[in-house]
C-alpha atoms as a PDB file:
ATOM      1  CA  UNK A   1      27.507 -12.536 -12.988  1.00  0.00           C
ATOM      2  CA  UNK A   2      26.235  -9.322 -14.559  1.00  0.00           C
ATOM      3  CA  UNK A   3      25.283  -6.319 -12.441  1.00  0.00           C
ATOM      4  CA  UNK A   4      21.598  -6.811 -13.290  1.00  0.00           C
ATOM      5  CA  UNK A   5      21.708 -10.496 -12.301  1.00  0.00           C
ATOM      6  CA  UNK A   6      23.515  -9.580  -9.085  1.00  0.00           C
ATOM      7  CA  UNK A   7      20.842  -6.995  -8.174  1.00  0.00           C
ATOM      8  CA  UNK A   8      18.048  -9.483  -8.943  1.00  0.00           C
ATOM      9  CA  UNK A   9      19.762 -12.082  -6.776  1.00  0.00           C
ATOM     10  CA  UNK A  10      20.181  -9.580  -3.924  1.00  0.00           C
ATOM     11  CA  UNK A  11      16.500  -8.570  -4.189  1.00  0.00           C
ATOM     12  CA  UNK A  12      15.375 -12.189  -4.097  1.00  0.00           C
ATOM     13  CA  UNK A  13      17.597 -12.945  -1.112  1.00  0.00           C
ATOM     14  CA  UNK A  14      16.393  -9.916   0.845  1.00  0.00           C
ATOM     15  CA  UNK A  15      12.753 -10.773   0.078  1.00  0.00           C
ATOM     16  CA  UNK A  16      13.311 -14.328   1.274  1.00  0.00           C
ATOM     17  CA  UNK A  17      15.016 -13.191   4.473  1.00  0.00           C
ATOM     18  CA  UNK A  18      12.255 -10.620   5.102  1.00  0.00           C
ATOM     19  CA  UNK A  19       9.633 -13.348   4.797  1.00  0.00           C
ATOM     20  CA  UNK A  20      11.682 -15.690   6.973  1.00  0.00           C
ATOM     21  CA  UNK A  21      12.157 -13.082   9.722  1.00  0.00           C
ATOM     22  CA  UNK A  22       8.518 -11.994   9.696  1.00  0.00           C
ATOM     23  CA  UNK A  23       6.791 -11.816  13.046  1.00  0.00           C
ATOM     24  CA  UNK A  24       3.348 -11.393  11.489  1.00  0.00           C
ATOM     25  CA  UNK A  25       1.229 -14.469  11.019  1.00  0.00           C
ATOM     26  CA  UNK A  26      -0.673 -15.173   7.820  1.00  0.00           C
ATOM     27  CA  UNK A  27      -3.864 -14.367   9.716  1.00  0.00           C
ATOM     28  CA  UNK A  28      -2.505 -10.979  10.818  1.00  0.00           C
ATOM     29  CA  UNK A  29      -1.393 -10.179   7.282  1.00  0.00           C
ATOM     30  CA  UNK A  30      -4.804 -11.238   5.933  1.00  0.00           C
ATOM     31  CA  UNK A  31      -6.556  -9.051   8.520  1.00  0.00           C
ATOM     32  CA  UNK A  32      -4.445  -6.054   7.496  1.00  0.00           C
ATOM     33  CA  UNK A  33      -5.138  -6.720   3.807  1.00  0.00           C
ATOM     34  CA  UNK A  34      -8.890  -6.688   4.552  1.00  0.00           C
ATOM     35  CA  UNK A  35      -8.857  -3.431   6.545  1.00  0.00           C
ATOM     36  CA  UNK A  36     -10.583  -0.332   5.225  1.00  0.00           C
ATOM     37  CA  UNK A  37      -8.362   2.716   4.792  1.00  0.00           C
ATOM     38  CA  UNK A  38      -9.476   4.501   7.962  1.00  0.00           C
ATOM     39  CA  UNK A  39      -8.750   1.502  10.185  1.00  0.00           C
ATOM     40  CA  UNK A  40      -5.361   0.859   8.574  1.00  0.00           C
ATOM     41  CA  UNK A  41      -4.435   4.522   8.985  1.00  0.00           C
ATOM     42  CA  UNK A  42      -5.513   4.611  12.644  1.00  0.00           C
ATOM     43  CA  UNK A  43      -3.581   1.444  13.476  1.00  0.00           C
ATOM     44  CA  UNK A  44      -0.557   2.844  11.634  1.00  0.00           C
ATOM     45  CA  UNK A  45      -0.718   5.966  13.800  1.00  0.00           C
ATOM     46  CA  UNK A  46      -0.866   3.729  16.895  1.00  0.00           C
ATOM     47  CA  UNK A  47       2.169   1.714  15.742  1.00  0.00           C
ATOM     48  CA  UNK A  48       4.167   4.899  15.106  1.00  0.00           C
ATOM     49  CA  UNK A  49       3.188   6.318  18.487  1.00  0.00           C
ATOM     50  CA  UNK A  50       4.281   3.104  20.204  1.00  0.00           C
ATOM     51  CA  UNK A  51       7.667   3.334  18.498  1.00  0.00           C
ATOM     52  CA  UNK A  52       8.057   7.028  19.262  1.00  0.00           C
ATOM     53  CA  UNK A  53       7.144   6.529  22.925  1.00  0.00           C
ATOM     54  CA  UNK A  54      10.071   4.174  23.365  1.00  0.00           C
ATOM     55  CA  UNK A  55      10.415   1.681  26.158  1.00  0.00           C
ATOM     56  CA  UNK A  56       9.963  -1.299  23.845  1.00  0.00           C
ATOM     57  CA  UNK A  57      12.343  -4.188  23.591  1.00  0.00           C
ATOM     58  CA  UNK A  58      14.135  -4.702  20.311  1.00  0.00           C
ATOM     59  CA  UNK A  59      11.733  -7.517  19.395  1.00  0.00           C
ATOM     60  CA  UNK A  60       8.705  -5.379  20.268  1.00  0.00           C
ATOM     61  CA  UNK A  61      10.100  -2.477  18.257  1.00  0.00           C
ATOM     62  CA  UNK A  62      10.730  -4.687  15.248  1.00  0.00           C
ATOM     63  CA  UNK A  63       7.202  -6.083  15.472  1.00  0.00           C
ATOM     64  CA  UNK A  64       5.687  -2.589  15.659  1.00  0.00           C
ATOM     65  CA  UNK A  65       7.805  -1.540  12.699  1.00  0.00           C
ATOM     66  CA  UNK A  66       6.678  -4.582  10.695  1.00  0.00           C
ATOM     67  CA  UNK A  67       3.035  -3.943  11.559  1.00  0.00           C
ATOM     68  CA  UNK A  68       3.495  -0.306  10.533  1.00  0.00           C
ATOM     69  CA  UNK A  69       5.047  -1.297   7.215  1.00  0.00           C
ATOM     70  CA  UNK A  70       2.157  -3.662   6.427  1.00  0.00           C
ATOM     71  CA  UNK A  71      -0.423  -1.044   7.414  1.00  0.00           C
ATOM     72  CA  UNK A  72       1.302   1.663   5.349  1.00  0.00           C
ATOM     73  CA  UNK A  73       1.390  -0.652   2.346  1.00  0.00           C
ATOM     74  CA  UNK A  74      -2.329  -1.357   2.755  1.00  0.00           C
ATOM     75  CA  UNK A  75      -3.231   2.329   3.073  1.00  0.00           C
ATOM     76  CA  UNK A  76      -1.054   3.279   0.099  1.00  0.00           C
ATOM     77  CA  UNK A  77      -2.618   0.520  -1.998  1.00  0.00           C
ATOM     78  CA  UNK A  78      -6.116   1.720  -1.183  1.00  0.00           C
ATOM     79  CA  UNK A  79      -5.194   5.313  -1.997  1.00  0.00           C
ATOM     80  CA  UNK A  80      -3.621   4.233  -5.283  1.00  0.00           C
ATOM     81  CA  UNK A  81      -6.800   2.367  -6.226  1.00  0.00           C
ATOM     82  CA  UNK A  82      -8.933   5.428  -5.497  1.00  0.00           C
ATOM     83  CA  UNK A  83      -6.492   7.636  -7.409  1.00  0.00           C
ATOM     84  CA  UNK A  84      -6.738   5.312 -10.425  1.00  0.00           C
ATOM     85  CA  UNK A  85     -10.556   5.464 -10.309  1.00  0.00           C
ATOM     86  CA  UNK A  86     -10.493   9.255 -10.119  1.00  0.00           C
ATOM     87  CA  UNK A  87      -8.030   9.467 -12.997  1.00  0.00           C
ATOM     88  CA  UNK A  88     -10.235   7.178 -15.094  1.00  0.00           C
ATOM     89  CA  UNK A  89     -13.346   9.222 -14.254  1.00  0.00           C
ATOM     90  CA  UNK A  90     -11.558  12.469 -15.136  1.00  0.00           C
ATOM     91  CA  UNK A  91     -10.333  11.005 -18.419  1.00  0.00           C
ATOM     92  CA  UNK A  92     -13.855   9.879 -19.272  1.00  0.00           C
ATOM     93  CA  UNK A  93     -15.260  13.276 -18.334  1.00  0.00           C
ATOM     94  CA  UNK A  94     -12.661  15.012 -20.502  1.00  0.00           C
ATOM     95  CA  UNK A  95     -13.509  12.764 -23.431  1.00  0.00           C
ATOM     96  CA  UNK A  96     -17.245  13.414 -23.171  1.00  0.00           C
ATOM     97  CA  UNK A  97     -16.823  17.140 -22.418  1.00  0.00           C
ATOM     98  CA  UNK A  98     -15.450  17.708 -25.910  1.00  0.00           C
ATOM     99  CA  UNK A  99     -18.789  16.746 -27.450  1.00  0.00           C
ATOM    100  CA  UNK A 100     -21.149  17.882 -24.682  1.00  0.00           C
ATOM    101  CA  UNK A 101     -23.903  20.089 -26.023  1.00  0.00           C
ATOM    102  CA  UNK A 102     -23.011  19.494 -29.645  1.00  0.00           C
ATOM    103  CA  UNK A 103     -25.026  17.878 -32.409  1.00  0.00           C
ATOM    104  CA  UNK A 104     -22.604  14.927 -32.483  1.00  0.00           C
ATOM    105  CA  UNK A 105     -23.418  14.204 -28.852  1.00  0.00           C
ATOM    106  CA  UNK A 106     -27.110  13.867 -29.752  1.00  0.00           C
ATOM    107  CA  UNK A 107     -26.523  11.554 -32.696  1.00  0.00           C
ATOM    108  CA  UNK A 108     -26.141   7.879 -31.878  1.00  0.00           C
END
């Protein structure tokens, strides 16, 4: 087996085991995926604080970690979407700024 095939196989196996070991229900994952950024960020802060405070069992710690991972992924996805919109708006503004106030801008 080539190194690339081995890495792909390892990635697939770890993804399968992560899904298998998940403590989050489909409903919980769907709720996280529907959260606005501010709510996801606040709940992420709460999950981190719970972990930092200690006193949790191993299962409780793993659940808080998994919730935190899902919330971080949601928040990062929302930020990436906003970043892409801003980049597109800036690119459009740059393209139109080159002809702003010129005769070519008035001709259509």
